[in-house]
């Protein structure tokens, strides 16, 4: 009888430690406040000089986007800037207007090969940002990076390409960009993919917004 209290206490203590350890092991390595997975897509309105033009041309608040991967237990965003690179998720969010963002994910994640996706976007690292929005791999813009990555990795087309002339080109900010980059030879028939086209894809669902 004299040993039972010690044994009982030891058992309870061991159980508590085991439960605590199990709970810790199940805690995501990144912030649980932003529940992200490999392949998630994040959108925001950037603070760059061309953001107003993109917003006006597409009638969307979202002007920039990237794809998320977990590296060394932390989420990073692969994005097409100058040059194409990657940034910690929290830093990427801070670069957006009022730090507002939306994260989307495939409704059926089993269709996405995330290993192949990361391989595809990694091949673009270091390339120049495509200021002309041309559909080539020599230089890349943000929505092009994500769209091509998904398409080439798993045959998933997030939104339909459309021609430049299908956008709203009437705004003064848009006209200024067109004049600066194309002069008098605006390629109206050129195919593009915009952040809003990917955002509106019926294949995606919202998993986080702020």
N, C-alpha and C. Protein backbone atom coordinates (compact mmCIF):
# COMPACT_ATOMS: atom_id res chain seq x y z
N UNK A 1 0.83 -1.21 0.00
CA UNK A 1 0.00 0.00 0.00
C UNK A 1 0.87 1.26 0.00
N UNK A 2 2.00 1.19 0.66
CA UNK A 2 2.85 2.36 0.74
C UNK A 2 3.41 2.78 -0.61
N UNK A 3 3.55 1.84 -1.56
CA UNK A 3 4.13 2.18 -2.86
C UNK A 3 3.10 2.69 -3.88
N UNK A 4 1.84 2.40 -3.62
CA UNK A 4 0.83 2.68 -4.63
C UNK A 4 0.73 4.15 -5.01
N UNK A 5 0.75 5.11 -4.04
CA UNK A 5 0.65 6.52 -4.44
C UNK A 5 1.76 6.93 -5.39
N UNK A 6 3.00 6.46 -5.15
CA UNK A 6 4.12 6.81 -6.01
C UNK A 6 3.92 6.26 -7.41
N UNK A 7 3.49 4.99 -7.46
CA UNK A 7 3.25 4.34 -8.75
C UNK A 7 2.14 5.05 -9.52
N UNK A 8 1.09 5.41 -8.81
CA UNK A 8 -0.05 6.08 -9.44
C UNK A 8 0.38 7.44 -9.99
N UNK A 9 1.14 8.19 -9.16
CA UNK A 9 1.62 9.51 -9.58
C UNK A 9 2.52 9.40 -10.80
N UNK A 10 3.41 8.40 -10.78
CA UNK A 10 4.33 8.21 -11.89
C UNK A 10 3.60 7.89 -13.18
N UNK A 11 2.57 7.05 -13.04
CA UNK A 11 1.77 6.67 -14.22
C UNK A 11 1.07 7.88 -14.83
N UNK A 12 0.45 8.67 -13.95
CA UNK A 12 -0.26 9.87 -14.41
C UNK A 12 0.70 10.85 -15.06
N UNK A 13 1.86 11.05 -14.44
CA UNK A 13 2.85 11.97 -14.99
C UNK A 13 3.34 11.49 -16.35
N UNK A 14 3.58 10.20 -16.47
CA UNK A 14 4.04 9.65 -17.74
C UNK A 14 3.00 9.81 -18.82
N UNK A 15 1.74 9.61 -18.46
CA UNK A 15 0.66 9.76 -19.44
C UNK A 15 0.55 11.21 -19.89
N UNK A 16 0.70 12.13 -18.95
CA UNK A 16 0.61 13.56 -19.30
C UNK A 16 1.73 13.95 -20.25
N UNK A 17 2.94 13.46 -19.98
CA UNK A 17 4.08 13.77 -20.83
C UNK A 17 3.88 13.19 -22.22
N UNK A 18 3.36 11.96 -22.28
CA UNK A 18 3.13 11.31 -23.57
C UNK A 18 2.11 12.08 -24.40
N UNK A 19 1.01 12.51 -23.74
CA UNK A 19 -0.02 13.26 -24.45
C UNK A 19 0.51 14.60 -24.92
N UNK A 20 1.31 15.24 -24.07
CA UNK A 20 1.90 16.53 -24.44
C UNK A 20 2.83 16.38 -25.62
N UNK A 21 3.63 15.32 -25.60
CA UNK A 21 4.57 15.07 -26.69
C UNK A 21 3.84 14.79 -27.99
N UNK A 22 2.77 14.01 -27.90
CA UNK A 22 1.98 13.68 -29.10
C UNK A 22 1.35 14.93 -29.68
N UNK A 23 0.83 15.79 -28.79
CA UNK A 23 0.20 17.02 -29.26
C UNK A 23 1.21 17.92 -29.95
N UNK A 24 2.43 17.98 -29.37
CA UNK A 24 3.48 18.81 -29.96
C UNK A 24 3.89 18.27 -31.32
N UNK A 25 3.96 16.95 -31.45
CA UNK A 25 4.38 16.33 -32.70
C UNK A 25 3.38 16.59 -33.81
N UNK A 26 2.08 16.75 -33.43
CA UNK A 26 1.07 16.97 -34.44
C UNK A 26 0.92 18.44 -34.82
N UNK A 27 1.59 19.33 -34.10
CA UNK A 27 1.51 20.74 -34.40
C UNK A 27 2.26 21.05 -35.69
N UNK A 28 1.63 21.75 -36.63
CA UNK A 28 2.31 22.07 -37.89
C UNK A 28 3.60 22.83 -37.63
N UNK A 29 4.64 22.61 -38.44
CA UNK A 29 5.91 23.29 -38.24
C UNK A 29 5.84 24.78 -38.52
N UNK A 30 4.79 25.23 -39.25
CA UNK A 30 4.62 26.65 -39.51
C UNK A 30 3.44 27.15 -38.69
N UNK A 31 3.16 28.42 -38.77
CA UNK A 31 2.11 29.02 -37.96
C UNK A 31 0.75 28.39 -38.25
N UNK A 32 0.07 27.91 -37.21
CA UNK A 32 -1.26 27.31 -37.42
C UNK A 32 -2.31 28.35 -37.81
N UNK A 33 -1.93 29.64 -37.67
CA UNK A 33 -2.87 30.70 -38.04
C UNK A 33 -3.08 30.77 -39.56
N UNK A 34 -2.11 30.25 -40.32
CA UNK A 34 -2.22 30.23 -41.77
C UNK A 34 -2.04 28.78 -42.23
N UNK A 35 -3.13 28.03 -42.34
CA UNK A 35 -3.05 26.59 -42.64
C UNK A 35 -2.75 26.30 -44.10
N UNK A 36 -1.49 26.33 -44.47
CA UNK A 36 -1.13 26.15 -45.87
C UNK A 36 -0.55 24.77 -46.15
N UNK A 37 -0.59 24.40 -47.44
CA UNK A 37 -0.02 23.15 -47.92
C UNK A 37 0.79 23.43 -49.17
N UNK A 38 1.63 22.48 -49.55
CA UNK A 38 2.35 22.58 -50.80
C UNK A 38 1.36 22.76 -51.95
N UNK A 39 1.62 23.74 -52.80
CA UNK A 39 0.77 23.95 -53.97
C UNK A 39 -0.34 24.96 -53.77
N UNK A 40 -0.55 25.44 -52.54
CA UNK A 40 -1.56 26.47 -52.33
C UNK A 40 -1.18 27.73 -53.10
N UNK A 41 -2.18 28.48 -53.53
CA UNK A 41 -1.95 29.69 -54.32
C UNK A 41 -2.41 30.90 -53.52
N UNK A 42 -1.57 31.91 -53.45
CA UNK A 42 -1.90 33.11 -52.67
C UNK A 42 -1.97 34.33 -53.57
N UNK A 43 -2.94 35.20 -53.27
CA UNK A 43 -3.20 36.40 -54.07
C UNK A 43 -3.20 37.64 -53.17
N UNK A 44 -2.75 38.76 -53.71
CA UNK A 44 -2.94 40.05 -53.05
C UNK A 44 -2.82 41.17 -54.08
N UNK A 45 -3.05 42.37 -53.62
CA UNK A 45 -2.82 43.54 -54.47
C UNK A 45 -1.44 44.08 -54.10
N UNK A 46 -0.55 44.07 -55.05
CA UNK A 46 0.82 44.51 -54.78
C UNK A 46 0.88 46.03 -54.71
N UNK A 47 2.02 46.52 -54.27
CA UNK A 47 2.23 47.96 -54.16
C UNK A 47 3.16 48.46 -55.25
N UNK A 48 3.27 47.71 -56.34
CA UNK A 48 4.15 48.09 -57.44
C UNK A 48 3.49 49.17 -58.30
N UNK A 49 4.29 49.77 -59.17
CA UNK A 49 3.79 50.86 -60.01
C UNK A 49 2.75 50.41 -61.02
N UNK A 50 2.76 49.14 -61.40
CA UNK A 50 1.81 48.67 -62.41
C UNK A 50 0.52 48.09 -61.81
N UNK A 51 0.43 48.05 -60.48
CA UNK A 51 -0.73 47.43 -59.83
C UNK A 51 -2.04 48.11 -60.23
N UNK A 52 -2.04 49.44 -60.27
CA UNK A 52 -3.26 50.16 -60.62
C UNK A 52 -3.72 49.83 -62.03
N UNK A 53 -2.77 49.68 -62.94
CA UNK A 53 -3.11 49.36 -64.33
C UNK A 53 -3.69 47.95 -64.44
N UNK A 54 -3.08 47.01 -63.74
CA UNK A 54 -3.57 45.63 -63.77
C UNK A 54 -4.96 45.55 -63.18
N UNK A 55 -5.18 46.25 -62.06
CA UNK A 55 -6.49 46.25 -61.42
C UNK A 55 -7.55 46.85 -62.34
N UNK A 56 -7.20 47.92 -63.04
CA UNK A 56 -8.16 48.57 -63.94
C UNK A 56 -8.45 47.70 -65.16
N UNK A 57 -7.43 47.07 -65.70
CA UNK A 57 -7.60 46.26 -66.91
C UNK A 57 -8.39 44.98 -66.64
N UNK A 58 -8.27 44.45 -65.43
CA UNK A 58 -8.91 43.17 -65.11
C UNK A 58 -10.15 43.31 -64.23
N UNK A 59 -10.41 44.52 -63.74
CA UNK A 59 -11.53 44.76 -62.82
C UNK A 59 -11.44 43.84 -61.60
N UNK A 60 -10.24 43.73 -61.08
CA UNK A 60 -10.01 42.85 -59.93
C UNK A 60 -9.09 43.54 -58.92
N UNK A 61 -9.29 43.24 -57.65
CA UNK A 61 -8.41 43.80 -56.63
C UNK A 61 -7.08 43.06 -56.56
N UNK A 62 -7.01 41.88 -57.16
CA UNK A 62 -5.79 41.08 -57.07
C UNK A 62 -4.89 41.31 -58.28
N UNK A 63 -3.66 41.74 -58.00
CA UNK A 63 -2.73 42.07 -59.08
C UNK A 63 -1.45 41.24 -59.04
N UNK A 64 -1.29 40.42 -58.01
CA UNK A 64 -0.09 39.61 -57.88
C UNK A 64 -0.43 38.30 -57.20
N UNK A 65 0.36 37.26 -57.48
CA UNK A 65 0.08 35.94 -56.93
C UNK A 65 1.34 35.11 -56.91
N UNK A 66 1.29 34.01 -56.17
CA UNK A 66 2.41 33.08 -56.11
C UNK A 66 1.93 31.72 -55.62
N UNK A 67 2.83 30.76 -55.58
CA UNK A 67 2.48 29.42 -55.14
C UNK A 67 3.34 29.07 -53.92
N UNK A 68 2.71 28.43 -52.95
CA UNK A 68 3.34 28.17 -51.65
C UNK A 68 3.89 26.76 -51.56
N UNK A 69 5.06 26.65 -50.94
CA UNK A 69 5.65 25.35 -50.58
C UNK A 69 6.21 25.45 -49.17
N UNK A 70 6.21 24.32 -48.46
CA UNK A 70 6.80 24.27 -47.12
C UNK A 70 8.25 23.83 -47.26
N UNK A 71 9.17 24.66 -46.80
CA UNK A 71 10.60 24.36 -46.85
C UNK A 71 11.21 24.52 -45.47
N UNK A 72 11.86 23.47 -44.98
CA UNK A 72 12.44 23.49 -43.64
C UNK A 72 11.40 23.88 -42.59
N UNK A 73 10.19 23.37 -42.79
CA UNK A 73 9.12 23.63 -41.82
C UNK A 73 8.46 24.99 -41.92
N UNK A 74 8.84 25.79 -42.92
CA UNK A 74 8.27 27.13 -43.03
C UNK A 74 7.72 27.37 -44.43
N UNK A 75 6.58 28.07 -44.53
CA UNK A 75 5.99 28.34 -45.85
C UNK A 75 6.70 29.45 -46.59
N UNK A 76 7.00 29.20 -47.85
CA UNK A 76 7.61 30.21 -48.72
C UNK A 76 6.77 30.35 -49.98
N UNK A 77 6.82 31.51 -50.58
CA UNK A 77 6.03 31.79 -51.78
C UNK A 77 6.98 31.93 -52.97
N UNK A 78 6.77 31.07 -53.97
CA UNK A 78 7.50 31.19 -55.24
C UNK A 78 6.71 32.18 -56.08
N UNK A 79 7.40 33.18 -56.61
CA UNK A 79 6.72 34.25 -57.33
C UNK A 79 7.56 34.80 -58.46
N UNK A 80 6.89 35.35 -59.44
CA UNK A 80 7.58 36.03 -60.54
C UNK A 80 7.63 37.51 -60.24
N UNK A 81 8.81 37.95 -59.78
CA UNK A 81 9.12 39.36 -59.60
C UNK A 81 10.38 39.59 -60.42
N UNK A 82 11.18 40.58 -60.07
CA UNK A 82 12.43 40.77 -60.80
C UNK A 82 13.61 40.49 -59.87
N UNK A 83 14.26 39.33 -60.02
CA UNK A 83 13.89 38.22 -60.92
C UNK A 83 12.93 37.27 -60.23
N UNK A 84 12.56 36.19 -60.92
CA UNK A 84 11.71 35.16 -60.32
C UNK A 84 12.44 34.60 -59.10
N UNK A 85 11.73 34.51 -57.99
CA UNK A 85 12.38 34.05 -56.76
C UNK A 85 11.37 33.51 -55.78
N UNK A 86 11.74 33.50 -54.50
CA UNK A 86 10.85 33.03 -53.45
C UNK A 86 11.07 33.87 -52.21
N UNK A 87 10.02 33.95 -51.38
CA UNK A 87 10.07 34.77 -50.19
C UNK A 87 9.29 34.10 -49.07
N UNK A 88 9.70 34.29 -47.81
CA UNK A 88 8.92 33.76 -46.69
C UNK A 88 7.48 34.28 -46.76
N UNK A 89 6.55 33.44 -46.41
CA UNK A 89 5.13 33.80 -46.52
C UNK A 89 4.80 35.09 -45.78
N UNK A 90 5.28 35.24 -44.56
CA UNK A 90 4.93 36.43 -43.79
C UNK A 90 5.48 37.70 -44.43
N UNK A 91 6.67 37.61 -45.02
CA UNK A 91 7.23 38.78 -45.72
C UNK A 91 6.43 39.09 -46.98
N UNK A 92 6.01 38.05 -47.68
CA UNK A 92 5.23 38.24 -48.90
C UNK A 92 3.92 38.95 -48.59
N UNK A 93 3.29 38.54 -47.52
CA UNK A 93 2.02 39.15 -47.12
C UNK A 93 2.20 40.63 -46.80
N UNK A 94 3.29 40.98 -46.15
CA UNK A 94 3.54 42.38 -45.78
C UNK A 94 3.73 43.28 -46.99
N UNK A 95 4.07 42.69 -48.14
CA UNK A 95 4.26 43.48 -49.35
C UNK A 95 2.95 43.81 -50.05
N UNK A 96 1.85 43.28 -49.54
CA UNK A 96 0.56 43.53 -50.16
C UNK A 96 -0.16 44.72 -49.55
N UNK A 97 -1.10 45.27 -50.30
CA UNK A 97 -1.88 46.41 -49.83
C UNK A 97 -2.67 46.05 -48.58
N UNK A 98 -2.39 46.76 -47.49
CA UNK A 98 -3.05 46.54 -46.20
C UNK A 98 -2.88 45.10 -45.69
N UNK A 99 -1.92 44.40 -46.25
CA UNK A 99 -1.62 43.00 -45.88
C UNK A 99 -2.84 42.09 -46.08
N UNK A 100 -3.69 42.48 -47.00
CA UNK A 100 -4.85 41.65 -47.34
C UNK A 100 -4.42 40.57 -48.33
N UNK A 101 -4.90 39.35 -48.13
CA UNK A 101 -4.55 38.26 -49.04
C UNK A 101 -5.65 37.21 -49.03
N UNK A 102 -5.63 36.37 -50.05
CA UNK A 102 -6.51 35.21 -50.14
C UNK A 102 -5.68 34.01 -50.57
N UNK A 103 -5.88 32.88 -49.90
CA UNK A 103 -5.19 31.64 -50.27
C UNK A 103 -6.22 30.66 -50.81
N UNK A 104 -5.91 30.08 -51.97
CA UNK A 104 -6.82 29.11 -52.58
C UNK A 104 -6.10 27.78 -52.78
N UNK A 105 -6.92 26.74 -52.92
CA UNK A 105 -6.39 25.37 -53.06
C UNK A 105 -7.32 24.59 -54.00
N UNK A 106 -6.75 23.61 -54.68
CA UNK A 106 -7.58 22.74 -55.51
C UNK A 106 -8.68 22.08 -54.68
N UNK A 107 -9.88 22.02 -55.22
CA UNK A 107 -10.96 21.34 -54.53
C UNK A 107 -10.64 19.85 -54.38
N UNK A 108 -9.90 19.32 -55.35
CA UNK A 108 -9.47 17.93 -55.30
C UNK A 108 -7.94 17.89 -55.35
N UNK A 109 -7.27 18.06 -54.19
CA UNK A 109 -5.80 18.12 -54.17
C UNK A 109 -5.13 16.85 -54.67
N UNK A 110 -5.85 15.73 -54.70
CA UNK A 110 -5.26 14.47 -55.14
C UNK A 110 -4.87 14.52 -56.62
N UNK A 111 -5.42 15.49 -57.36
CA UNK A 111 -5.10 15.59 -58.79
C UNK A 111 -3.79 16.32 -59.05
N UNK A 112 -3.22 16.91 -58.00
CA UNK A 112 -2.01 17.70 -58.18
C UNK A 112 -0.78 16.95 -57.72
N UNK A 113 0.23 16.87 -58.58
CA UNK A 113 1.53 16.31 -58.24
C UNK A 113 2.38 17.47 -57.74
N UNK A 114 2.44 17.63 -56.42
CA UNK A 114 3.14 18.79 -55.85
C UNK A 114 4.64 18.72 -56.07
N UNK A 115 5.20 17.51 -56.14
CA UNK A 115 6.63 17.37 -56.41
C UNK A 115 6.95 17.88 -57.81
N UNK A 116 6.13 17.47 -58.77
CA UNK A 116 6.33 17.93 -60.15
C UNK A 116 6.08 19.43 -60.27
N UNK A 117 5.09 19.92 -59.51
CA UNK A 117 4.80 21.36 -59.53
C UNK A 117 6.00 22.17 -59.05
N UNK A 118 6.57 21.74 -57.95
CA UNK A 118 7.73 22.48 -57.42
C UNK A 118 8.91 22.41 -58.39
N UNK A 119 9.07 21.27 -59.04
CA UNK A 119 10.15 21.12 -60.02
C UNK A 119 9.96 22.11 -61.17
N UNK A 120 8.70 22.25 -61.61
CA UNK A 120 8.42 23.15 -62.73
C UNK A 120 8.69 24.61 -62.37
N UNK A 121 8.20 25.05 -61.21
CA UNK A 121 8.40 26.46 -60.86
C UNK A 121 9.85 26.74 -60.49
N UNK A 122 10.54 25.73 -59.98
CA UNK A 122 11.94 25.92 -59.63
C UNK A 122 12.79 26.18 -60.87
N UNK A 123 12.41 25.59 -61.99
CA UNK A 123 13.17 25.81 -63.23
C UNK A 123 13.10 27.27 -63.68
N UNK A 124 12.13 28.01 -63.15
CA UNK A 124 11.96 29.41 -63.54
C UNK A 124 12.74 30.37 -62.64
N UNK A 125 13.27 29.88 -61.52
CA UNK A 125 13.98 30.75 -60.59
C UNK A 125 15.13 31.49 -61.29
N UNK A 126 15.25 32.77 -61.00
CA UNK A 126 16.34 33.56 -61.57
C UNK A 126 16.02 34.20 -62.90
N UNK A 127 14.90 33.80 -63.53
CA UNK A 127 14.56 34.40 -64.82
C UNK A 127 14.01 35.80 -64.62
N UNK A 128 14.12 36.61 -65.64
CA UNK A 128 13.63 37.98 -65.56
C UNK A 128 12.12 38.03 -65.52
N UNK A 129 11.60 39.05 -64.87
CA UNK A 129 10.16 39.30 -64.90
C UNK A 129 9.78 39.75 -66.30
N UNK A 130 8.65 39.26 -66.78
CA UNK A 130 8.21 39.57 -68.14
C UNK A 130 7.32 40.82 -68.15
N UNK A 131 7.94 41.96 -68.41
CA UNK A 131 7.20 43.23 -68.43
C UNK A 131 6.28 43.33 -69.64
N UNK A 132 6.50 42.50 -70.66
CA UNK A 132 5.68 42.55 -71.87
C UNK A 132 4.55 41.52 -71.85
N UNK A 133 4.54 40.65 -70.82
CA UNK A 133 3.50 39.63 -70.67
C UNK A 133 3.41 38.69 -71.86
N UNK A 134 4.55 38.33 -72.41
CA UNK A 134 4.59 37.41 -73.55
C UNK A 134 4.50 35.97 -73.05
N UNK A 135 3.97 35.09 -73.91
CA UNK A 135 3.76 33.70 -73.52
C UNK A 135 4.98 32.86 -73.92
N UNK A 136 6.10 33.10 -73.23
CA UNK A 136 7.30 32.33 -73.48
C UNK A 136 7.99 32.08 -72.15
N UNK A 137 8.98 31.19 -72.15
CA UNK A 137 9.69 30.88 -70.91
C UNK A 137 10.96 31.71 -70.74
N UNK A 138 11.24 32.59 -71.67
CA UNK A 138 12.45 33.40 -71.56
C UNK A 138 12.36 34.37 -70.38
N UNK A 139 11.17 34.87 -70.16
CA UNK A 139 10.89 35.70 -68.99
C UNK A 139 9.46 35.36 -68.56
N UNK A 140 9.14 35.59 -67.29
CA UNK A 140 7.89 35.08 -66.72
C UNK A 140 7.20 36.15 -65.87
N UNK A 141 5.87 36.22 -65.96
CA UNK A 141 5.12 37.07 -65.04
C UNK A 141 4.35 36.19 -64.06
N UNK A 142 3.78 36.78 -63.02
CA UNK A 142 3.33 36.01 -61.85
C UNK A 142 2.27 34.95 -62.14
N UNK A 143 1.19 35.32 -62.81
CA UNK A 143 0.14 34.36 -63.07
C UNK A 143 0.57 33.33 -64.11
N UNK A 144 1.47 33.72 -64.99
CA UNK A 144 2.02 32.79 -65.97
C UNK A 144 2.82 31.68 -65.27
N UNK A 145 3.60 32.06 -64.25
CA UNK A 145 4.39 31.09 -63.50
C UNK A 145 3.51 30.01 -62.88
N UNK A 146 2.46 30.43 -62.21
CA UNK A 146 1.57 29.48 -61.53
C UNK A 146 0.77 28.66 -62.54
N UNK A 147 0.25 29.32 -63.56
CA UNK A 147 -0.56 28.61 -64.56
C UNK A 147 0.25 27.54 -65.26
N UNK A 148 1.45 27.89 -65.71
CA UNK A 148 2.30 26.92 -66.41
C UNK A 148 2.74 25.80 -65.47
N UNK A 149 3.01 26.14 -64.22
CA UNK A 149 3.42 25.12 -63.26
C UNK A 149 2.35 24.06 -63.08
N UNK A 150 1.13 24.47 -62.87
CA UNK A 150 0.02 23.53 -62.69
C UNK A 150 -0.25 22.74 -63.96
N UNK A 151 -0.22 23.42 -65.09
CA UNK A 151 -0.51 22.76 -66.36
C UNK A 151 0.54 21.71 -66.69
N UNK A 152 1.80 22.07 -66.54
CA UNK A 152 2.89 21.15 -66.90
C UNK A 152 3.07 20.03 -65.88
N UNK A 153 2.77 20.29 -64.64
CA UNK A 153 2.95 19.26 -63.61
C UNK A 153 1.82 18.24 -63.61
N UNK A 154 0.59 18.73 -63.82
CA UNK A 154 -0.56 17.82 -63.69
C UNK A 154 -1.63 18.03 -64.73
N UNK A 155 -1.37 18.82 -65.75
CA UNK A 155 -2.37 19.05 -66.78
C UNK A 155 -3.57 19.83 -66.30
N UNK A 156 -3.39 20.61 -65.25
CA UNK A 156 -4.50 21.38 -64.67
C UNK A 156 -4.43 22.81 -65.18
N UNK A 157 -5.49 23.25 -65.84
CA UNK A 157 -5.55 24.60 -66.39
C UNK A 157 -6.42 25.47 -65.48
N UNK A 158 -5.76 26.37 -64.77
CA UNK A 158 -6.46 27.24 -63.82
C UNK A 158 -6.87 28.53 -64.51
N UNK A 159 -8.00 28.50 -65.18
CA UNK A 159 -8.48 29.66 -65.91
C UNK A 159 -8.14 29.55 -67.39
N UNK A 160 -8.88 30.28 -68.19
CA UNK A 160 -8.69 30.26 -69.63
C UNK A 160 -7.86 31.46 -70.08
N UNK A 161 -6.91 31.21 -70.98
CA UNK A 161 -6.15 32.31 -71.54
C UNK A 161 -7.08 33.19 -72.38
N UNK A 162 -6.76 34.48 -72.40
CA UNK A 162 -7.54 35.40 -73.23
C UNK A 162 -6.58 36.39 -73.89
N UNK A 163 -7.07 37.08 -74.90
CA UNK A 163 -6.20 38.01 -75.61
C UNK A 163 -6.15 39.34 -74.88
N UNK A 164 -5.10 40.07 -75.15
CA UNK A 164 -4.92 41.37 -74.50
C UNK A 164 -6.10 42.30 -74.79
N UNK A 165 -6.64 42.22 -76.01
CA UNK A 165 -7.73 43.11 -76.37
C UNK A 165 -9.02 42.82 -75.62
N UNK A 166 -9.10 41.64 -74.97
CA UNK A 166 -10.29 41.29 -74.19
C UNK A 166 -10.29 41.95 -72.82
N UNK A 167 -9.16 42.54 -72.43
CA UNK A 167 -9.10 43.26 -71.17
C UNK A 167 -9.64 44.67 -71.36
N UNK A 168 -9.90 45.37 -70.26
CA UNK A 168 -10.36 46.75 -70.33
C UNK A 168 -9.13 47.65 -70.44
N UNK A 169 -8.87 48.14 -71.63
CA UNK A 169 -7.68 48.93 -71.89
C UNK A 169 -7.96 50.43 -71.91
N UNK A 170 -9.13 50.83 -71.44
CA UNK A 170 -9.55 52.23 -71.57
C UNK A 170 -8.99 53.14 -70.48
N UNK A 171 -8.63 52.59 -69.36
CA UNK A 171 -8.17 53.41 -68.23
C UNK A 171 -6.85 54.10 -68.56
N UNK A 172 -6.68 55.31 -68.05
CA UNK A 172 -5.47 56.09 -68.33
C UNK A 172 -4.20 55.37 -67.87
N UNK A 173 -4.27 54.69 -66.72
CA UNK A 173 -3.11 53.97 -66.20
C UNK A 173 -2.73 52.82 -67.13
N UNK A 174 -3.73 52.18 -67.71
CA UNK A 174 -3.48 51.09 -68.64
C UNK A 174 -2.88 51.62 -69.93
N UNK A 175 -3.44 52.69 -70.45
CA UNK A 175 -2.94 53.30 -71.68
C UNK A 175 -1.48 53.74 -71.52
N UNK A 176 -1.13 54.22 -70.36
CA UNK A 176 0.24 54.66 -70.09
C UNK A 176 1.20 53.47 -70.16
N UNK A 177 0.81 52.36 -69.53
CA UNK A 177 1.64 51.15 -69.55
C UNK A 177 1.81 50.63 -70.97
N UNK A 178 0.72 50.59 -71.71
CA UNK A 178 0.77 50.10 -73.09
C UNK A 178 1.70 50.95 -73.95
N UNK A 179 1.62 52.25 -73.78
CA UNK A 179 2.45 53.16 -74.56
C UNK A 179 3.92 52.99 -74.21
N UNK A 180 4.21 52.86 -72.92
CA UNK A 180 5.59 52.73 -72.47
C UNK A 180 6.24 51.44 -72.96
N UNK A 181 5.46 50.36 -72.98
CA UNK A 181 6.05 49.05 -73.27
C UNK A 181 5.93 48.61 -74.72
N UNK A 182 4.91 49.09 -75.42
CA UNK A 182 4.71 48.63 -76.79
C UNK A 182 4.77 49.74 -77.83
N UNK A 183 4.76 50.98 -77.38
CA UNK A 183 4.74 52.08 -78.33
C UNK A 183 3.45 52.08 -79.14
N UNK A 184 3.58 52.13 -80.46
CA UNK A 184 2.40 52.13 -81.33
C UNK A 184 2.05 50.73 -81.83
N UNK A 185 2.74 49.72 -81.32
CA UNK A 185 2.51 48.34 -81.78
C UNK A 185 2.03 47.46 -80.63
N UNK A 186 0.87 47.76 -80.12
CA UNK A 186 0.29 46.98 -79.04
C UNK A 186 -0.17 45.63 -79.57
N UNK A 187 0.30 44.51 -79.00
CA UNK A 187 -0.06 43.18 -79.50
C UNK A 187 -1.44 42.73 -78.97
N UNK A 188 -2.48 43.30 -79.52
CA UNK A 188 -3.83 43.06 -79.01
C UNK A 188 -4.23 41.58 -79.07
N UNK A 189 -3.67 40.83 -80.00
CA UNK A 189 -4.04 39.42 -80.16
C UNK A 189 -3.22 38.49 -79.26
N UNK A 190 -2.30 39.04 -78.50
CA UNK A 190 -1.44 38.23 -77.64
C UNK A 190 -2.25 37.59 -76.50
N UNK A 191 -2.01 36.30 -76.26
CA UNK A 191 -2.71 35.60 -75.20
C UNK A 191 -2.03 35.85 -73.85
N UNK A 192 -2.86 36.06 -72.83
CA UNK A 192 -2.36 36.30 -71.47
C UNK A 192 -3.22 35.54 -70.47
N UNK A 193 -2.68 35.39 -69.26
CA UNK A 193 -3.45 34.85 -68.14
C UNK A 193 -3.27 35.83 -66.99
N UNK A 194 -4.35 36.27 -66.40
CA UNK A 194 -4.29 37.28 -65.35
C UNK A 194 -4.53 36.64 -63.98
N UNK A 195 -4.06 37.29 -62.91
CA UNK A 195 -4.32 36.75 -61.57
C UNK A 195 -5.81 36.50 -61.32
N UNK A 196 -6.66 37.39 -61.82
CA UNK A 196 -8.10 37.21 -61.59
C UNK A 196 -8.64 35.98 -62.31
N UNK A 197 -8.03 35.61 -63.44
CA UNK A 197 -8.48 34.42 -64.18
C UNK A 197 -8.22 33.16 -63.36
N UNK A 198 -7.04 33.11 -62.74
CA UNK A 198 -6.71 31.97 -61.88
C UNK A 198 -7.59 32.00 -60.64
N UNK A 199 -7.75 33.18 -60.06
CA UNK A 199 -8.55 33.34 -58.84
C UNK A 199 -9.97 32.81 -59.04
N UNK A 200 -10.53 33.06 -60.22
CA UNK A 200 -11.92 32.70 -60.50
C UNK A 200 -12.10 31.27 -60.98
N UNK A 201 -11.01 30.50 -61.08
CA UNK A 201 -11.12 29.13 -61.57
C UNK A 201 -12.06 28.31 -60.69
N UNK A 202 -13.01 27.62 -61.29
CA UNK A 202 -13.94 26.78 -60.51
C UNK A 202 -13.25 25.55 -59.90
N UNK A 203 -12.00 25.32 -60.26
CA UNK A 203 -11.27 24.19 -59.71
C UNK A 203 -10.70 24.50 -58.32
N UNK A 204 -10.74 25.78 -57.94
CA UNK A 204 -10.15 26.20 -56.68
C UNK A 204 -11.21 26.56 -55.64
N UNK A 205 -10.82 26.46 -54.37
CA UNK A 205 -11.66 26.91 -53.27
C UNK A 205 -10.80 27.73 -52.31
N UNK A 206 -11.43 28.67 -51.63
CA UNK A 206 -10.72 29.52 -50.68
C UNK A 206 -10.51 28.79 -49.36
N UNK A 207 -9.28 28.83 -48.86
CA UNK A 207 -8.97 28.19 -47.58
C UNK A 207 -8.56 29.20 -46.52
N UNK A 208 -8.23 30.42 -46.94
CA UNK A 208 -7.82 31.45 -45.98
C UNK A 208 -7.96 32.82 -46.62
N UNK A 209 -8.49 33.75 -45.85
CA UNK A 209 -8.58 35.12 -46.34
C UNK A 209 -8.39 36.07 -45.19
N UNK A 210 -7.79 37.20 -45.46
CA UNK A 210 -7.56 38.20 -44.42
C UNK A 210 -7.54 39.60 -45.07
